[in-house]
Amino acid sequence: MIYSITETAKANQLKPYEYLKYLLIEIPKHMEDRNLDFLEELLPWSEHLPTECKK
């Protein structure tokens, strides 16, 4: 699963380490959420990703 996330990040011109770090910080913030709409903002092609994740 990590390999797939890493390769998808690379294919979308992201820095894999920064992207994985961002996911591991953001996902736990939503553990109690019943609404999964926040996941759209975490996808590798999302415009909402921080600039440090982008190459």
Protein backbone atom coordinates (compact mmCIF):
# COMPACT_ATOMS: atom_id res chain seq x y z
CA MET A 1 0.00 0.00 0.00
CA ILE A 2 2.85 2.41 0.86
CA TYR A 3 4.53 1.63 -2.47
CA SER A 4 1.32 2.45 -4.33
CA ILE A 5 0.89 5.75 -2.48
CA THR A 6 4.54 6.65 -3.09
CA GLU A 7 4.42 5.89 -6.80
CA THR A 8 1.13 7.77 -7.23
CA ALA A 9 2.68 10.75 -5.47
CA LYS A 10 5.65 10.64 -7.86
CA ALA A 11 3.33 10.38 -10.87
CA ASN A 12 1.55 13.52 -9.66
CA GLN A 13 4.79 15.50 -9.24
CA LEU A 14 4.79 15.33 -5.42
CA LYS A 15 7.66 14.73 -3.02
CA PRO A 16 6.82 11.26 -1.67
CA TYR A 17 8.32 11.78 1.79
CA GLU A 18 6.56 15.12 2.32
CA TYR A 19 3.27 13.75 0.99
CA LEU A 20 3.37 10.67 3.26
CA LYS A 21 4.28 12.86 6.23
CA TYR A 22 1.35 15.14 5.43
CA LEU A 23 -1.05 12.18 5.21
CA LEU A 24 0.16 10.76 8.52
CA ILE A 25 -0.44 14.11 10.20
CA GLU A 26 -3.82 14.88 8.61
CA ILE A 27 -5.61 11.53 8.63
CA PRO A 28 -5.58 11.12 12.46
CA LYS A 29 -7.27 14.52 12.79
CA HIS A 30 -10.36 13.00 11.14
CA MET A 31 -10.62 9.69 13.00
CA GLU A 32 -13.94 10.66 14.59
CA ASP A 33 -15.47 12.00 11.36
CA ARG A 34 -18.42 10.16 9.91
CA ASN A 35 -18.22 12.26 6.76
CA LEU A 36 -15.35 11.20 4.50
CA ASP A 37 -15.38 14.27 2.26
CA PHE A 38 -12.01 15.35 3.69
CA LEU A 39 -10.39 12.51 1.73
CA GLU A 40 -10.86 14.42 -1.52
CA GLU A 41 -8.46 17.07 -0.20
CA LEU A 42 -5.78 14.44 0.55
CA LEU A 43 -5.63 12.89 -2.91
CA PRO A 44 -2.33 13.40 -4.77
CA TRP A 45 -4.00 15.49 -7.49
CA SER A 46 -5.85 17.74 -5.04
CA GLU A 47 -5.32 21.48 -5.30
CA HIS A 48 -5.56 21.67 -1.48
CA LEU A 49 -2.20 20.02 -0.80
CA PRO A 50 0.42 22.22 0.86
CA THR A 51 3.20 23.58 -1.33
CA GLU A 52 5.89 21.66 0.58
CA CYS A 53 4.43 18.45 -0.87
CA LYS A 54 4.79 19.66 -4.45
CA LYS A 55 7.97 19.45 -6.52
